[in-house]
Amino acid sequence: MQRRTLLLILVTVLGLSMVISLGRHQILKVRTAFAEDQVSIIYEARQKAFEATTPTQAVGFLEYAIDYYPSGTKQTQNSRLDRLVELVRSNVVSDIIADLKRKTGQDFGNEPTNWFRHYPPPRP
């Protein structure tokens, strides 16, 4: 009887462990899909900023890249996926600002707020 009870407990614990593991895997799949989506949309904003015909339009896409689901909204803040998305965002912001400097011949620094002041983003 004791042996049977022990076996039942062992099977139950293993079953629960599998359910928890599968649940964690599913959550990771969802978070990874969110990160892929974020990266794709941030890169799309970069491309649109490069193709913009005016600095004001480009600054609008700069603002969009910054504001699109900031850290801690779609990802757990400071998680590996969050840090990856934020690295992409930071690089895209730098790329857009470098392109703005080249296209305008102006240098308002690397802070996006300086560019917002000189070329206010369009409002809907």
PDB file of N, CA and C in Angstrom:
ATOM      1  N   MET A   1       0.811  -1.187   0.000  1.00  0.00           N
ATOM      2  CA  MET A   1       0.000   0.000   0.000  1.00  0.00           C
ATOM      3  C   MET A   1       0.862   1.262   0.000  1.00  0.00           C
ATOM      4  N   GLN A   2       1.902   1.276   0.830  1.00  0.00           N
ATOM      5  CA  GLN A   2       2.794   2.439   0.896  1.00  0.00           C
ATOM      6  C   GLN A   2       3.481   2.674  -0.445  1.00  0.00           C
ATOM      7  N   ARG A   3       3.863   1.607  -1.065  1.00  0.00           N
ATOM      8  CA  ARG A   3       4.563   1.704  -2.337  1.00  0.00           C
ATOM      9  C   ARG A   3       3.632   2.299  -3.405  1.00  0.00           C
ATOM     10  N   ARG A   4       2.402   1.887  -3.387  1.00  0.00           N
ATOM     11  CA  ARG A   4       1.414   2.379  -4.338  1.00  0.00           C
ATOM     12  C   ARG A   4       1.144   3.874  -4.115  1.00  0.00           C
ATOM     13  N   THR A   5       1.039   4.292  -2.886  1.00  0.00           N
ATOM     14  CA  THR A   5       0.824   5.698  -2.548  1.00  0.00           C
ATOM     15  C   THR A   5       2.010   6.538  -2.996  1.00  0.00           C
ATOM     16  N   LEU A   6       3.207   6.049  -2.753  1.00  0.00           N
ATOM     17  CA  LEU A   6       4.422   6.755  -3.164  1.00  0.00           C
ATOM     18  C   LEU A   6       4.480   6.901  -4.680  1.00  0.00           C
ATOM     19  N   LEU A   7       4.116   5.836  -5.389  1.00  0.00           N
ATOM     20  CA  LEU A   7       4.111   5.865  -6.850  1.00  0.00           C
ATOM     21  C   LEU A   7       3.073   6.881  -7.356  1.00  0.00           C
ATOM     22  N   LEU A   8       1.900   6.911  -6.731  1.00  0.00           N
ATOM     23  CA  LEU A   8       0.856   7.861  -7.103  1.00  0.00           C
ATOM     24  C   LEU A   8       1.326   9.302  -6.882  1.00  0.00           C
ATOM     25  N   ILE A   9       1.974   9.553  -5.774  1.00  0.00           N
ATOM     26  CA  ILE A   9       2.509  10.889  -5.483  1.00  0.00           C
ATOM     27  C   ILE A   9       3.565  11.271  -6.520  1.00  0.00           C
ATOM     28  N   LEU A  10       4.443  10.344  -6.842  1.00  0.00           N
ATOM     29  CA  LEU A  10       5.506  10.595  -7.825  1.00  0.00           C
ATOM     30  C   LEU A  10       4.912  10.929  -9.193  1.00  0.00           C
ATOM     31  N   VAL A  11       3.925  10.158  -9.633  1.00  0.00           N
ATOM     32  CA  VAL A  11       3.281  10.396 -10.930  1.00  0.00           C
ATOM     33  C   VAL A  11       2.581  11.757 -10.924  1.00  0.00           C
ATOM     34  N   THR A  12       1.924  12.098  -9.829  1.00  0.00           N
ATOM     35  CA  THR A  12       1.242  13.385  -9.717  1.00  0.00           C
ATOM     36  C   THR A  12       2.231  14.537  -9.797  1.00  0.00           C
ATOM     37  N   VAL A  13       3.329  14.431  -9.084  1.00  0.00           N
ATOM     38  CA  VAL A  13       4.354  15.480  -9.103  1.00  0.00           C
ATOM     39  C   VAL A  13       4.954  15.615 -10.502  1.00  0.00           C
ATOM     40  N   LEU A  14       5.248  14.503 -11.143  1.00  0.00           N
ATOM     41  CA  LEU A  14       5.798  14.563 -12.502  1.00  0.00           C
ATOM     42  C   LEU A  14       4.790  15.178 -13.469  1.00  0.00           C
ATOM     43  N   GLY A  15       3.519  14.823 -13.339  1.00  0.00           N
ATOM     44  CA  GLY A  15       2.474  15.384 -14.195  1.00  0.00           C
ATOM     45  C   GLY A  15       2.351  16.888 -14.014  1.00  0.00           C
ATOM     46  N   LEU A  16       2.351  17.340 -12.761  1.00  0.00           N
ATOM     47  CA  LEU A  16       2.288  18.780 -12.490  1.00  0.00           C
ATOM     48  C   LEU A  16       3.510  19.505 -13.035  1.00  0.00           C
ATOM     49  N   SER A  17       4.663  18.884 -12.910  1.00  0.00           N
ATOM     50  CA  SER A  17       5.895  19.489 -13.441  1.00  0.00           C
ATOM     51  C   SER A  17       5.801  19.664 -14.948  1.00  0.00           C
ATOM     52  N   MET A  18       5.245  18.662 -15.618  1.00  0.00           N
ATOM     53  CA  MET A  18       5.099  18.757 -17.076  1.00  0.00           C
ATOM     54  C   MET A  18       4.130  19.866 -17.457  1.00  0.00           C
ATOM     55  N   VAL A  19       3.015  19.973 -16.749  1.00  0.00           N
ATOM     56  CA  VAL A  19       2.028  21.014 -17.032  1.00  0.00           C
ATOM     57  C   VAL A  19       2.645  22.403 -16.833  1.00  0.00           C
ATOM     58  N   ILE A  20       3.372  22.575 -15.742  1.00  0.00           N
ATOM     59  CA  ILE A  20       4.027  23.859 -15.469  1.00  0.00           C
ATOM     60  C   ILE A  20       5.059  24.174 -16.546  1.00  0.00           C
ATOM     61  N   SER A  21       5.838  23.179 -16.927  1.00  0.00           N
ATOM     62  CA  SER A  21       6.855  23.376 -17.962  1.00  0.00           C
ATOM     63  C   SER A  21       6.222  23.761 -19.294  1.00  0.00           C
ATOM     64  N   LEU A  22       5.153  23.081 -19.676  1.00  0.00           N
ATOM     65  CA  LEU A  22       4.466  23.409 -20.928  1.00  0.00           C
ATOM     66  C   LEU A  22       3.876  24.808 -20.870  1.00  0.00           C
ATOM     67  N   GLY A  23       3.336  25.181 -19.716  1.00  0.00           N
ATOM     68  CA  GLY A  23       2.784  26.533 -19.552  1.00  0.00           C
ATOM     69  C   GLY A  23       3.849  27.590 -19.715  1.00  0.00           C
ATOM     70  N   ARG A  24       4.985  27.355 -19.112  1.00  0.00           N
ATOM     71  CA  ARG A  24       6.096  28.318 -19.243  1.00  0.00           C
ATOM     72  C   ARG A  24       6.565  28.423 -20.684  1.00  0.00           C
ATOM     73  N   HIS A  25       6.599  27.286 -21.363  1.00  0.00           N
ATOM     74  CA  HIS A  25       7.017  27.279 -22.764  1.00  0.00           C
ATOM     75  C   HIS A  25       6.044  28.090 -23.617  1.00  0.00           C
ATOM     76  N   GLN A  26       4.752  27.934 -23.363  1.00  0.00           N
ATOM     77  CA  GLN A  26       3.746  28.682 -24.118  1.00  0.00           C
ATOM     78  C   GLN A  26       3.878  30.187 -23.862  1.00  0.00           C
ATOM     79  N   ILE A  27       4.108  30.556 -22.620  1.00  0.00           N
ATOM     80  CA  ILE A  27       4.295  31.973 -22.285  1.00  0.00           C
ATOM     81  C   ILE A  27       5.516  32.528 -23.008  1.00  0.00           C
ATOM     82  N   LEU A  28       6.590  31.765 -23.034  1.00  0.00           N
ATOM     83  CA  LEU A  28       7.797  32.206 -23.738  1.00  0.00           C
ATOM     84  C   LEU A  28       7.527  32.367 -25.230  1.00  0.00           C
ATOM     85  N   LYS A  29       6.761  31.454 -25.814  1.00  0.00           N
ATOM     86  CA  LYS A  29       6.422  31.572 -27.232  1.00  0.00           C
ATOM     87  C   LYS A  29       5.655  32.863 -27.500  1.00  0.00           C
ATOM     88  N   VAL A  30       4.723  33.200 -26.643  1.00  0.00           N
ATOM     89  CA  VAL A  30       3.935  34.429 -26.813  1.00  0.00           C
ATOM     90  C   VAL A  30       4.836  35.649 -26.668  1.00  0.00           C
ATOM     91  N   ARG A  31       5.681  35.654 -25.645  1.00  0.00           N
ATOM     92  CA  ARG A  31       6.575  36.807 -25.444  1.00  0.00           C
ATOM     93  C   ARG A  31       7.559  36.955 -26.598  1.00  0.00           C
ATOM     94  N   THR A  32       8.028  35.837 -27.130  1.00  0.00           N
ATOM     95  CA  THR A  32       8.937  35.885 -28.276  1.00  0.00           C
ATOM     96  C   THR A  32       8.219  36.448 -29.498  1.00  0.00           C
ATOM     97  N   ALA A  33       6.983  36.041 -29.712  1.00  0.00           N
ATOM     98  CA  ALA A  33       6.201  36.582 -30.829  1.00  0.00           C
ATOM     99  C   ALA A  33       5.987  38.085 -30.649  1.00  0.00           C
ATOM    100  N   PHE A  34       5.711  38.526 -29.417  1.00  0.00           N
ATOM    101  CA  PHE A  34       5.569  39.960 -29.153  1.00  0.00           C
ATOM    102  C   PHE A  34       6.870  40.688 -29.496  1.00  0.00           C
ATOM    103  N   ALA A  35       8.003  40.130 -29.080  1.00  0.00           N
ATOM    104  CA  ALA A  35       9.297  40.770 -29.347  1.00  0.00           C
ATOM    105  C   ALA A  35       9.557  40.858 -30.849  1.00  0.00           C
ATOM    106  N   GLU A  36       9.264  39.777 -31.578  1.00  0.00           N
ATOM    107  CA  GLU A  36       9.443  39.805 -33.033  1.00  0.00           C
ATOM    108  C   GLU A  36       8.584  40.891 -33.656  1.00  0.00           C
ATOM    109  N   ASP A  37       7.354  41.018 -33.189  1.00  0.00           N
ATOM    110  CA  ASP A  37       6.440  42.037 -33.692  1.00  0.00           C
ATOM    111  C   ASP A  37       6.979  43.438 -33.384  1.00  0.00           C
ATOM    112  N   GLN A  38       7.430  43.644 -32.155  1.00  0.00           N
ATOM    113  CA  GLN A  38       7.965  44.951 -31.774  1.00  0.00           C
ATOM    114  C   GLN A  38       9.156  45.327 -32.636  1.00  0.00           C
ATOM    115  N   VAL A  39      10.092  44.408 -32.800  1.00  0.00           N
ATOM    116  CA  VAL A  39      11.304  44.672 -33.584  1.00  0.00           C
ATOM    117  C   VAL A  39      10.931  44.993 -35.030  1.00  0.00           C
ATOM    118  N   SER A  40      10.020  44.226 -35.576  1.00  0.00           N
ATOM    119  CA  SER A  40       9.596  44.445 -36.959  1.00  0.00           C
ATOM    120  C   SER A  40       8.983  45.833 -37.139  1.00  0.00           C
ATOM    121  N   ILE A  41       8.115  46.232 -36.239  1.00  0.00           N
ATOM    122  CA  ILE A  41       7.444  47.529 -36.359  1.00  0.00           C
ATOM    123  C   ILE A  41       8.408  48.682 -36.110  1.00  0.00           C
ATOM    124  N   ILE A  42       9.343  48.508 -35.191  1.00  0.00           N
ATOM    125  CA  ILE A  42      10.346  49.553 -34.933  1.00  0.00           C
ATOM    126  C   ILE A  42      11.240  49.726 -36.164  1.00  0.00           C
ATOM    127  N   TYR A  43      11.631  48.611 -36.796  1.00  0.00           N
ATOM    128  CA  TYR A  43      12.430  48.709 -38.024  1.00  0.00           C
ATOM    129  C   TYR A  43      11.618  49.327 -39.165  1.00  0.00           C
ATOM    130  N   GLU A  44      10.331  49.057 -39.187  1.00  0.00           N
ATOM    131  CA  GLU A  44       9.472  49.653 -40.202  1.00  0.00           C
ATOM    132  C   GLU A  44       9.421  51.176 -40.030  1.00  0.00           C
ATOM    133  N   ALA A  45       9.363  51.636 -38.778  1.00  0.00           N
ATOM    134  CA  ALA A  45       9.387  53.083 -38.512  1.00  0.00           C
ATOM    135  C   ALA A  45      10.701  53.685 -39.005  1.00  0.00           C
ATOM    136  N   ARG A  46      11.782  52.951 -38.808  1.00  0.00           N
ATOM    137  CA  ARG A  46      13.100  53.403 -39.289  1.00  0.00           C
ATOM    138  C   ARG A  46      13.076  53.582 -40.801  1.00  0.00           C
ATOM    139  N   GLN A  47      12.562  52.576 -41.499  1.00  0.00           N
ATOM    140  CA  GLN A  47      12.527  52.630 -42.956  1.00  0.00           C
ATOM    141  C   GLN A  47      11.664  53.793 -43.438  1.00  0.00           C
ATOM    142  N   LYS A  48      10.523  53.987 -42.794  1.00  0.00           N
ATOM    143  CA  LYS A  48       9.637  55.096 -43.180  1.00  0.00           C
ATOM    144  C   LYS A  48      10.290  56.446 -42.894  1.00  0.00           C
ATOM    145  N   ALA A  49      11.039  56.535 -41.814  1.00  0.00           N
ATOM    146  CA  ALA A  49      11.760  57.785 -41.516  1.00  0.00           C
ATOM    147  C   ALA A  49      12.794  58.061 -42.598  1.00  0.00           C
ATOM    148  N   PHE A  50      13.491  57.026 -43.047  1.00  0.00           N
ATOM    149  CA  PHE A  50      14.475  57.199 -44.118  1.00  0.00           C
ATOM    150  C   PHE A  50      13.819  57.655 -45.416  1.00  0.00           C
ATOM    151  N   GLU A  51      12.586  57.188 -45.651  1.00  0.00           N
ATOM    152  CA  GLU A  51      11.883  57.522 -46.892  1.00  0.00           C
ATOM    153  C   GLU A  51      11.074  58.819 -46.787  1.00  0.00           C
ATOM    154  N   ALA A  52      11.000  59.398 -45.607  1.00  0.00           N
ATOM    155  CA  ALA A  52      10.197  60.613 -45.401  1.00  0.00           C
ATOM    156  C   ALA A  52      10.715  61.741 -46.284  1.00  0.00           C
ATOM    157  N   THR A  53       9.776  62.561 -46.741  1.00  0.00           N
ATOM    158  CA  THR A  53      10.159  63.668 -47.635  1.00  0.00           C
ATOM    159  C   THR A  53      10.443  64.958 -46.890  1.00  0.00           C
ATOM    160  N   THR A  54      10.086  65.010 -45.596  1.00  0.00           N
ATOM    161  CA  THR A  54      10.385  66.202 -44.798  1.00  0.00           C
ATOM    162  C   THR A  54      10.959  65.768 -43.446  1.00  0.00           C
ATOM    163  N   PRO A  55      11.757  66.626 -42.833  1.00  0.00           N
ATOM    164  CA  PRO A  55      12.274  66.302 -41.497  1.00  0.00           C
ATOM    165  C   PRO A  55      11.144  66.096 -40.475  1.00  0.00           C
ATOM    166  N   THR A  56      10.068  66.858 -40.620  1.00  0.00           N
ATOM    167  CA  THR A  56       8.946  66.725 -39.686  1.00  0.00           C
ATOM    168  C   THR A  56       8.338  65.323 -39.761  1.00  0.00           C
ATOM    169  N   GLN A  57       8.200  64.796 -40.967  1.00  0.00           N
ATOM    170  CA  GLN A  57       7.692  63.426 -41.118  1.00  0.00           C
ATOM    171  C   GLN A  57       8.654  62.425 -40.485  1.00  0.00           C
ATOM    172  N   ALA A  58       9.935  62.602 -40.743  1.00  0.00           N
ATOM    173  CA  ALA A  58      10.942  61.684 -40.190  1.00  0.00           C
ATOM    174  C   ALA A  58      10.918  61.722 -38.666  1.00  0.00           C
ATOM    175  N   VAL A  59      10.775  62.912 -38.097  1.00  0.00           N
ATOM    176  CA  VAL A  59      10.709  63.048 -36.639  1.00  0.00           C
ATOM    177  C   VAL A  59       9.441  62.374 -36.101  1.00  0.00           C
ATOM    178  N   GLY A  60       8.377  62.392 -36.869  1.00  0.00           N
ATOM    179  CA  GLY A  60       7.165  61.678 -36.476  1.00  0.00           C
ATOM    180  C   GLY A  60       7.419  60.184 -36.347  1.00  0.00           C
ATOM    181  N   PHE A  61       8.172  59.626 -37.276  1.00  0.00           N
ATOM    182  CA  PHE A  61       8.509  58.199 -37.197  1.00  0.00           C
ATOM    183  C   PHE A  61       9.514  57.927 -36.074  1.00  0.00           C
ATOM    184  N   LEU A  62      10.388  58.895 -35.815  1.00  0.00           N
ATOM    185  CA  LEU A  62      11.297  58.790 -34.665  1.00  0.00           C
ATOM    186  C   LEU A  62      10.477  58.679 -33.380  1.00  0.00           C
ATOM    187  N   GLU A  63       9.505  59.558 -33.246  1.00  0.00           N
ATOM    188  CA  GLU A  63       8.647  59.534 -32.064  1.00  0.00           C
ATOM    189  C   GLU A  63       7.886  58.201 -31.972  1.00  0.00           C
ATOM    190  N   TYR A  64       7.397  57.722 -33.096  1.00  0.00           N
ATOM    191  CA  TYR A  64       6.667  56.453 -33.114  1.00  0.00           C
ATOM    192  C   TYR A  64       7.554  55.304 -32.646  1.00  0.00           C
ATOM    193  N   ALA A  65       8.790  55.256 -33.141  1.00  0.00           N
ATOM    194  CA  ALA A  65       9.720  54.195 -32.739  1.00  0.00           C
ATOM    195  C   ALA A  65       9.989  54.240 -31.235  1.00  0.00           C
ATOM    196  N   ILE A  66      10.051  55.428 -30.686  1.00  0.00           N
ATOM    197  CA  ILE A  66      10.309  55.582 -29.249  1.00  0.00           C
ATOM    198  C   ILE A  66       9.091  55.162 -28.432  1.00  0.00           C
ATOM    199  N   ASP A  67       7.911  55.562 -28.888  1.00  0.00           N
ATOM    200  CA  ASP A  67       6.688  55.359 -28.099  1.00  0.00           C
ATOM    201  C   ASP A  67       6.022  54.005 -28.301  1.00  0.00           C
ATOM    202  N   TYR A  68       6.421  53.244 -29.322  1.00  0.00           N
ATOM    203  CA  TYR A  68       5.749  51.979 -29.607  1.00  0.00           C
ATOM    204  C   TYR A  68       6.042  50.959 -28.510  1.00  0.00           C
ATOM    205  N   TYR A  69       5.052  50.667 -27.696  1.00  0.00           N
ATOM    206  CA  TYR A  69       5.161  49.710 -26.587  1.00  0.00           C
ATOM    207  C   TYR A  69       6.511  49.818 -25.875  1.00  0.00           C
ATOM    208  N   PRO A  70       6.693  50.868 -25.074  1.00  0.00           N
ATOM    209  CA  PRO A  70       7.968  51.040 -24.367  1.00  0.00           C
ATOM    210  C   PRO A  70       8.251  49.899 -23.396  1.00  0.00           C
ATOM    211  N   SER A  71       9.460  49.862 -22.927  1.00  0.00           N
ATOM    212  CA  SER A  71       9.926  48.819 -22.016  1.00  0.00           C
ATOM    213  C   SER A  71       8.925  48.576 -20.881  1.00  0.00           C
ATOM    214  N   GLY A  72       8.652  47.298 -20.651  1.00  0.00           N
ATOM    215  CA  GLY A  72       7.764  46.931 -19.556  1.00  0.00           C
ATOM    216  C   GLY A  72       6.299  46.849 -19.938  1.00  0.00           C
ATOM    217  N   THR A  73       5.956  47.112 -21.210  1.00  0.00           N
ATOM    218  CA  THR A  73       4.544  47.033 -21.598  1.00  0.00           C
ATOM    219  C   THR A  73       4.214  45.674 -22.215  1.00  0.00           C
ATOM    220  N   LYS A  74       4.901  45.289 -23.272  1.00  0.00           N
ATOM    221  CA  LYS A  74       4.666  43.974 -23.880  1.00  0.00           C
ATOM    222  C   LYS A  74       5.616  42.924 -23.325  1.00  0.00           C
ATOM    223  N   GLN A  75       6.698  43.351 -22.759  1.00  0.00           N
ATOM    224  CA  GLN A  75       7.702  42.441 -22.205  1.00  0.00           C
ATOM    225  C   GLN A  75       7.866  42.731 -20.725  1.00  0.00           C
ATOM    226  N   THR A  76       8.294  41.722 -20.001  1.00  0.00           N
ATOM    227  CA  THR A  76       8.638  41.944 -18.598  1.00  0.00           C
ATOM    228  C   THR A  76       9.856  42.853 -18.574  1.00  0.00           C
ATOM    229  N   GLN A  77       9.751  43.958 -17.855  1.00  0.00           N
ATOM    230  CA  GLN A  77      10.840  44.936 -17.842  1.00  0.00           C
ATOM    231  C   GLN A  77      12.154  44.303 -17.426  1.00  0.00           C
ATOM    232  N   ASN A  78      13.185  44.600 -18.199  1.00  0.00           N
ATOM    233  CA  ASN A  78      14.563  44.151 -17.994  1.00  0.00           C
ATOM    234  C   ASN A  78      14.762  42.652 -18.221  1.00  0.00           C
ATOM    235  N   SER A  79      13.776  41.984 -18.837  1.00  0.00           N
ATOM    236  CA  SER A  79      13.970  40.579 -19.215  1.00  0.00           C
ATOM    237  C   SER A  79      14.898  40.544 -20.433  1.00  0.00           C
ATOM    238  N   ARG A  80      15.346  39.372 -20.806  1.00  0.00           N
ATOM    239  CA  ARG A  80      16.229  39.258 -21.974  1.00  0.00           C
ATOM    240  C   ARG A  80      15.553  39.784 -23.232  1.00  0.00           C
ATOM    241  N   LEU A  81      14.289  39.412 -23.432  1.00  0.00           N
ATOM    242  CA  LEU A  81      13.583  39.888 -24.624  1.00  0.00           C
ATOM    243  C   LEU A  81      13.369  41.399 -24.574  1.00  0.00           C
ATOM    244  N   ASP A  82      13.065  41.921 -23.418  1.00  0.00           N
ATOM    245  CA  ASP A  82      12.892  43.368 -23.268  1.00  0.00           C
ATOM    246  C   ASP A  82      14.195  44.092 -23.601  1.00  0.00           C
ATOM    247  N   ARG A  83      15.305  43.588 -23.096  1.00  0.00           N
ATOM    248  CA  ARG A  83      16.600  44.226 -23.376  1.00  0.00           C
ATOM    249  C   ARG A  83      16.921  44.159 -24.865  1.00  0.00           C
ATOM    250  N   LEU A  84      16.553  43.065 -25.513  1.00  0.00           N
ATOM    251  CA  LEU A  84      16.789  42.932 -26.953  1.00  0.00           C
ATOM    252  C   LEU A  84      15.966  43.966 -27.726  1.00  0.00           C
ATOM    253  N   VAL A  85      14.682  44.080 -27.397  1.00  0.00           N
ATOM    254  CA  VAL A  85      13.822  45.061 -28.069  1.00  0.00           C
ATOM    255  C   VAL A  85      14.351  46.475 -27.830  1.00  0.00           C
ATOM    256  N   GLU A  86      14.761  46.766 -26.612  1.00  0.00           N
ATOM    257  CA  GLU A  86      15.250  48.114 -26.296  1.00  0.00           C
ATOM    258  C   GLU A  86      16.582  48.407 -26.987  1.00  0.00           C
ATOM    259  N   LEU A  87      17.405  47.394 -27.201  1.00  0.00           N
ATOM    260  CA  LEU A  87      18.648  47.584 -27.963  1.00  0.00           C
ATOM    261  C   LEU A  87      18.314  47.950 -29.413  1.00  0.00           C
ATOM    262  N   VAL A  88      17.360  47.236 -29.995  1.00  0.00           N
ATOM    263  CA  VAL A  88      16.938  47.545 -31.363  1.00  0.00           C
ATOM    264  C   VAL A  88      16.378  48.969 -31.411  1.00  0.00           C
ATOM    265  N   ARG A  89      15.516  49.301 -30.449  1.00  0.00           N
ATOM    266  CA  ARG A  89      14.915  50.642 -30.418  1.00  0.00           C
ATOM    267  C   ARG A  89      16.011  51.717 -30.339  1.00  0.00           C
ATOM    268  N   SER A  90      16.975  51.520 -29.470  1.00  0.00           N
ATOM    269  CA  SER A  90      18.069  52.483 -29.301  1.00  0.00           C
ATOM    270  C   SER A  90      18.861  52.653 -30.600  1.00  0.00           C
ATOM    271  N   ASN A  91      19.142  51.546 -31.272  1.00  0.00           N
ATOM    272  CA  ASN A  91      19.879  51.623 -32.535  1.00  0.00           C
ATOM    273  C   ASN A  91      19.066  52.327 -33.615  1.00  0.00           C
ATOM    274  N   VAL A  92      17.769  52.047 -33.661  1.00  0.00           N
ATOM    275  CA  VAL A  92      16.903  52.691 -34.651  1.00  0.00           C
ATOM    276  C   VAL A  92      16.828  54.196 -34.388  1.00  0.00           C
ATOM    277  N   VAL A  93      16.691  54.594 -33.146  1.00  0.00           N
ATOM    278  CA  VAL A  93      16.656  56.021 -32.800  1.00  0.00           C
ATOM    279  C   VAL A  93      17.959  56.692 -33.258  1.00  0.00           C
ATOM    280  N   SER A  94      19.084  56.056 -32.978  1.00  0.00           N
ATOM    281  CA  SER A  94      20.381  56.606 -33.416  1.00  0.00           C
ATOM    282  C   SER A  94      20.459  56.702 -34.933  1.00  0.00           C
ATOM    283  N   ASP A  95      19.972  55.669 -35.629  1.00  0.00           N
ATOM    284  CA  ASP A  95      20.000  55.673 -37.100  1.00  0.00           C
ATOM    285  C   ASP A  95      19.143  56.799 -37.668  1.00  0.00           C
ATOM    286  N   ILE A  96      17.948  56.989 -37.105  1.00  0.00           N
ATOM    287  CA  ILE A  96      17.056  58.035 -37.617  1.00  0.00           C
ATOM    288  C   ILE A  96      17.664  59.415 -37.366  1.00  0.00           C
ATOM    289  N   ILE A  97      18.229  59.609 -36.192  1.00  0.00           N
ATOM    290  CA  ILE A  97      18.846  60.910 -35.892  1.00  0.00           C
ATOM    291  C   ILE A  97      20.042  61.167 -36.803  1.00  0.00           C
ATOM    292  N   ALA A  98      20.852  60.145 -37.054  1.00  0.00           N
ATOM    293  CA  ALA A  98      21.989  60.305 -37.972  1.00  0.00           C
ATOM    294  C   ALA A  98      21.500  60.667 -39.366  1.00  0.00           C
ATOM    295  N   ASP A  99      20.415  60.047 -39.804  1.00  0.00           N
ATOM    296  CA  ASP A  99      19.847  60.354 -41.118  1.00  0.00           C
ATOM    297  C   ASP A  99      19.294  61.782 -41.155  1.00  0.00           C
ATOM    298  N   LEU A 100      18.644  62.201 -40.062  1.00  0.00           N
ATOM    299  CA  LEU A 100      18.143  63.579 -39.987  1.00  0.00           C
ATOM    300  C   LEU A 100      19.295  64.586 -40.064  1.00  0.00           C
ATOM    301  N   LYS A 101      20.374  64.299 -39.373  1.00  0.00           N
ATOM    302  CA  LYS A 101      21.536  65.204 -39.415  1.00  0.00           C
ATOM    303  C   LYS A 101      22.059  65.320 -40.845  1.00  0.00           C
ATOM    304  N   ARG A 102      22.147  64.185 -41.518  1.00  0.00           N
ATOM    305  CA  ARG A 102      22.660  64.168 -42.884  1.00  0.00           C
ATOM    306  C   ARG A 102      21.732  64.920 -43.826  1.00  0.00           C
ATOM    307  N   LYS A 103      20.425  64.666 -43.715  1.00  0.00           N
ATOM    308  CA  LYS A 103      19.460  65.278 -44.640  1.00  0.00           C
ATOM    309  C   LYS A 103      19.249  66.769 -44.390  1.00  0.00           C
ATOM    310  N   THR A 104      19.283  67.182 -43.136  1.00  0.00           N
ATOM    311  CA  THR A 104      18.993  68.592 -42.819  1.00  0.00           C
ATOM    312  C   THR A 104      20.245  69.453 -42.758  1.00  0.00           C
ATOM    313  N   GLY A 105      21.390  68.817 -42.552  1.00  0.00           N
ATOM    314  CA  GLY A 105      22.612  69.593 -42.350  1.00  0.00           C
ATOM    315  C   GLY A 105      22.651  70.227 -40.965  1.00  0.00           C
ATOM    316  N   GLN A 106      21.702  69.887 -40.129  1.00  0.00           N
ATOM    317  CA  GLN A 106      21.614  70.415 -38.755  1.00  0.00           C
ATOM    318  C   GLN A 106      22.112  69.360 -37.779  1.00  0.00           C
ATOM    319  N   ASP A 107      22.602  69.819 -36.646  1.00  0.00           N
ATOM    320  CA  ASP A 107      22.988  68.884 -35.583  1.00  0.00           C
ATOM    321  C   ASP A 107      22.417  69.378 -34.267  1.00  0.00           C
ATOM    322  N   PHE A 108      21.293  68.806 -33.907  1.00  0.00           N
ATOM    323  CA  PHE A 108      20.657  69.155 -32.635  1.00  0.00           C
ATOM    324  C   PHE A 108      20.991  68.126 -31.557  1.00  0.00           C
ATOM    325  N   GLY A 109      22.040  67.376 -31.788  1.00  0.00           N
ATOM    326  CA  GLY A 109      22.478  66.374 -30.813  1.00  0.00           C
ATOM    327  C   GLY A 109      21.779  65.043 -31.010  1.00  0.00           C
ATOM    328  N   ASN A 110      21.986  64.159 -30.040  1.00  0.00           N
ATOM    329  CA  ASN A 110      21.474  62.795 -30.136  1.00  0.00           C
ATOM    330  C   ASN A 110      20.227  62.553 -29.301  1.00  0.00           C
ATOM    331  N   GLU A 111      19.754  63.585 -28.639  1.00  0.00           N
ATOM    332  CA  GLU A 111      18.528  63.460 -27.837  1.00  0.00           C
ATOM    333  C   GLU A 111      17.317  63.721 -28.727  1.00  0.00           C
ATOM    334  N   PRO A 112      16.412  62.769 -28.821  1.00  0.00           N
ATOM    335  CA  PRO A 112      15.229  62.965 -29.668  1.00  0.00           C
ATOM    336  C   PRO A 112      14.428  64.215 -29.320  1.00  0.00           C
ATOM    337  N   THR A 113      14.362  64.586 -28.048  1.00  0.00           N
ATOM    338  CA  THR A 113      13.569  65.758 -27.659  1.00  0.00           C
ATOM    339  C   THR A 113      14.061  67.026 -28.346  1.00  0.00           C
ATOM    340  N   ASN A 114      15.361  67.132 -28.599  1.00  0.00           N
ATOM    341  CA  ASN A 114      15.889  68.297 -29.320  1.00  0.00           C
ATOM    342  C   ASN A 114      15.323  68.353 -30.737  1.00  0.00           C
ATOM    343  N   TRP A 115      15.207  67.195 -31.379  1.00  0.00           N
ATOM    344  CA  TRP A 115      14.659  67.128 -32.726  1.00  0.00           C
ATOM    345  C   TRP A 115      13.167  67.411 -32.704  1.00  0.00           C
ATOM    346  N   PHE A 116      12.469  66.950 -31.657  1.00  0.00           N
ATOM    347  CA  PHE A 116      11.034  67.228 -31.526  1.00  0.00           C
ATOM    348  C   PHE A 116      10.793  68.739 -31.420  1.00  0.00           C
ATOM    349  N   ARG A 117      11.679  69.429 -30.723  1.00  0.00           N
ATOM    350  CA  ARG A 117      11.545  70.880 -30.547  1.00  0.00           C
ATOM    351  C   ARG A 117      11.706  71.624 -31.863  1.00  0.00           C
ATOM    352  N   HIS A 118      12.673  71.190 -32.672  1.00  0.00           N
ATOM    353  CA  HIS A 118      12.958  71.899 -33.933  1.00  0.00           C
ATOM    354  C   HIS A 118      12.051  71.463 -35.077  1.00  0.00           C
ATOM    355  N   TYR A 119      11.623  70.218 -35.042  1.00  0.00           N
ATOM    356  CA  TYR A 119      10.734  69.689 -36.083  1.00  0.00           C
ATOM    357  C   TYR A 119       9.596  68.943 -35.397  1.00  0.00           C
ATOM    358  N   PRO A 120       8.640  69.676 -34.846  1.00  0.00           N
ATOM    359  CA  PRO A 120       7.555  69.018 -34.102  1.00  0.00           C
ATOM    360  C   PRO A 120       6.852  67.948 -34.949  1.00  0.00           C
ATOM    361  N   PRO A 121       6.712  66.750 -34.382  1.00  0.00           N
ATOM    362  CA  PRO A 121       6.056  65.665 -35.134  1.00  0.00           C
ATOM    363  C   PRO A 121       4.609  66.029 -35.456  1.00  0.00           C
ATOM    364  N   PRO A 122       4.134  65.564 -36.608  1.00  0.00           N
ATOM    365  CA  PRO A 122       2.741  65.854 -36.970  1.00  0.00           C
ATOM    366  C   PRO A 122       1.775  65.194 -35.980  1.00  0.00           C
ATOM    367  N   ARG A 123       0.677  65.841 -35.738  1.00  0.00           N
ATOM    368  CA  ARG A 123      -0.363  65.318 -34.845  1.00  0.00           C
ATOM    369  C   ARG A 123      -1.574  64.911 -35.680  1.00  0.00           C
ATOM    370  N   PRO A 124      -2.203  63.780 -35.336  1.00  0.00           N
ATOM    371  CA  PRO A 124      -3.380  63.339 -36.118  1.00  0.00           C
ATOM    372  C   PRO A 124      -4.565  64.263 -35.963  1.00  0.00           C
TER     373      PRO A 124
END
